[in-house]
């Protein structure tokens, strides 16, 4: 399993984390065109859209997404 923090904007609060058996290349191949489309054409997306695109592109892979990981204070 791989744990990736995905950053697509200058705003760190918009980052999200996924736990997956995908590799970095598979993820960027799907996400990059969506991000570029927004930057060039003004189309909007959110993190759920990006995760959905990954799930659609790789339906037989494990993909779990977190906007804010849970914190345990002891």
C-alpha atoms as a PDB file:
ATOM      1  CA  UNK A   1       0.000   0.000   0.000  1.00  0.00           C
ATOM      2  CA  UNK A   2       1.042   3.567  -0.672  1.00  0.00           C
ATOM      3  CA  UNK A   3       0.026   6.689   1.211  1.00  0.00           C
ATOM      4  CA  UNK A   4      -0.017   9.841  -0.924  1.00  0.00           C
ATOM      5  CA  UNK A   5      -0.752  13.427   0.019  1.00  0.00           C
ATOM      6  CA  UNK A   6      -2.184  15.045  -3.104  1.00  0.00           C
ATOM      7  CA  UNK A   7      -1.569  18.743  -3.658  1.00  0.00           C
ATOM      8  CA  UNK A   8      -3.110  20.426  -6.706  1.00  0.00           C
ATOM      9  CA  UNK A   9      -3.271  24.066  -5.577  1.00  0.00           C
ATOM     10  CA  UNK A  10      -1.238  26.596  -3.609  1.00  0.00           C
ATOM     11  CA  UNK A  11      -3.630  26.112  -0.678  1.00  0.00           C
ATOM     12  CA  UNK A  12      -2.482  23.347   1.659  1.00  0.00           C
ATOM     13  CA  UNK A  13      -5.936  23.151   3.236  1.00  0.00           C
ATOM     14  CA  UNK A  14      -7.169  21.781  -0.114  1.00  0.00           C
ATOM     15  CA  UNK A  15      -4.708  18.864  -0.015  1.00  0.00           C
ATOM     16  CA  UNK A  16      -6.043  15.373   0.555  1.00  0.00           C
ATOM     17  CA  UNK A  17      -4.562  11.991   1.324  1.00  0.00           C
ATOM     18  CA  UNK A  18      -5.217   8.645  -0.313  1.00  0.00           C
ATOM     19  CA  UNK A  19      -4.256   5.142   0.713  1.00  0.00           C
ATOM     20  CA  UNK A  20      -3.983   3.015  -2.400  1.00  0.00           C
ATOM     21  CA  UNK A  21      -2.184   0.291  -4.252  1.00  0.00           C
ATOM     22  CA  UNK A  22      -1.795   2.661  -7.224  1.00  0.00           C
ATOM     23  CA  UNK A  23       1.603   4.175  -7.943  1.00  0.00           C
ATOM     24  CA  UNK A  24       2.485   7.833  -8.448  1.00  0.00           C
ATOM     25  CA  UNK A  25       2.434   7.594 -12.241  1.00  0.00           C
ATOM     26  CA  UNK A  26      -1.060   6.076 -12.307  1.00  0.00           C
ATOM     27  CA  UNK A  27      -2.352   8.838 -10.050  1.00  0.00           C
ATOM     28  CA  UNK A  28      -0.765  11.713 -11.952  1.00  0.00           C
ATOM     29  CA  UNK A  29      -1.903  10.276 -15.312  1.00  0.00           C
ATOM     30  CA  UNK A  30      -5.529  10.593 -14.158  1.00  0.00           C
ATOM     31  CA  UNK A  31      -5.398  13.763 -12.041  1.00  0.00           C
ATOM     32  CA  UNK A  32      -3.134  15.987 -14.163  1.00  0.00           C
ATOM     33  CA  UNK A  33      -5.551  16.402 -17.111  1.00  0.00           C
ATOM     34  CA  UNK A  34      -8.385  17.347 -14.732  1.00  0.00           C
ATOM     35  CA  UNK A  35      -6.249  19.943 -12.948  1.00  0.00           C
ATOM     36  CA  UNK A  36      -4.940  21.357 -16.240  1.00  0.00           C
ATOM     37  CA  UNK A  37      -8.472  21.625 -17.611  1.00  0.00           C
ATOM     38  CA  UNK A  38      -9.461  23.771 -14.637  1.00  0.00           C
ATOM     39  CA  UNK A  39      -6.371  25.948 -14.979  1.00  0.00           C
ATOM     40  CA  UNK A  40      -6.828  26.434 -18.714  1.00  0.00           C
ATOM     41  CA  UNK A  41     -10.601  26.418 -19.169  1.00  0.00           C
ATOM     42  CA  UNK A  42     -11.977  27.358 -15.746  1.00  0.00           C
ATOM     43  CA  UNK A  43     -13.792  24.056 -15.208  1.00  0.00           C
ATOM     44  CA  UNK A  44     -14.170  23.291 -11.508  1.00  0.00           C
ATOM     45  CA  UNK A  45     -13.436  20.120  -9.593  1.00  0.00           C
ATOM     46  CA  UNK A  46     -13.123  19.138  -5.957  1.00  0.00           C
ATOM     47  CA  UNK A  47     -11.175  16.401  -4.205  1.00  0.00           C
ATOM     48  CA  UNK A  48     -14.106  13.991  -4.440  1.00  0.00           C
ATOM     49  CA  UNK A  49     -14.102  14.442  -8.229  1.00  0.00           C
ATOM     50  CA  UNK A  50     -10.418  13.538  -8.375  1.00  0.00           C
ATOM     51  CA  UNK A  51     -10.891  10.438  -6.240  1.00  0.00           C
ATOM     52  CA  UNK A  52     -13.912   9.419  -8.315  1.00  0.00           C
ATOM     53  CA  UNK A  53     -11.845   9.760 -11.488  1.00  0.00           C
ATOM     54  CA  UNK A  54      -9.179   7.483  -9.994  1.00  0.00           C
ATOM     55  CA  UNK A  55     -11.802   4.911  -8.989  1.00  0.00           C
ATOM     56  CA  UNK A  56     -13.332   5.005 -12.454  1.00  0.00           C
ATOM     57  CA  UNK A  57      -9.945   4.663 -14.164  1.00  0.00           C
ATOM     58  CA  UNK A  58      -8.820   1.849 -11.838  1.00  0.00           C
ATOM     59  CA  UNK A  59     -11.980   0.049 -10.657  1.00  0.00           C
ATOM     60  CA  UNK A  60     -10.113  -3.044  -9.460  1.00  0.00           C
ATOM     61  CA  UNK A  61      -7.644  -1.145  -7.259  1.00  0.00           C
ATOM     62  CA  UNK A  62      -7.889  -0.144  -3.624  1.00  0.00           C
ATOM     63  CA  UNK A  63      -8.377   3.620  -3.123  1.00  0.00           C
ATOM     64  CA  UNK A  64      -9.407   5.229   0.164  1.00  0.00           C
ATOM     65  CA  UNK A  65      -9.392   8.988   0.561  1.00  0.00           C
ATOM     66  CA  UNK A  66      -9.133  11.323   3.528  1.00  0.00           C
ATOM     67  CA  UNK A  67      -9.632  15.086   3.546  1.00  0.00           C
ATOM     68  CA  UNK A  68      -8.388  15.427   7.087  1.00  0.00           C
ATOM     69  CA  UNK A  69      -6.800  12.459   8.784  1.00  0.00           C
ATOM     70  CA  UNK A  70      -8.028  11.733  12.262  1.00  0.00           C
ATOM     71  CA  UNK A  71      -5.749  12.866  15.059  1.00  0.00           C
ATOM     72  CA  UNK A  72      -5.232  10.964  18.281  1.00  0.00           C
ATOM     73  CA  UNK A  73      -4.090  12.958  21.276  1.00  0.00           C
ATOM     74  CA  UNK A  74      -2.700  11.064  24.228  1.00  0.00           C
END
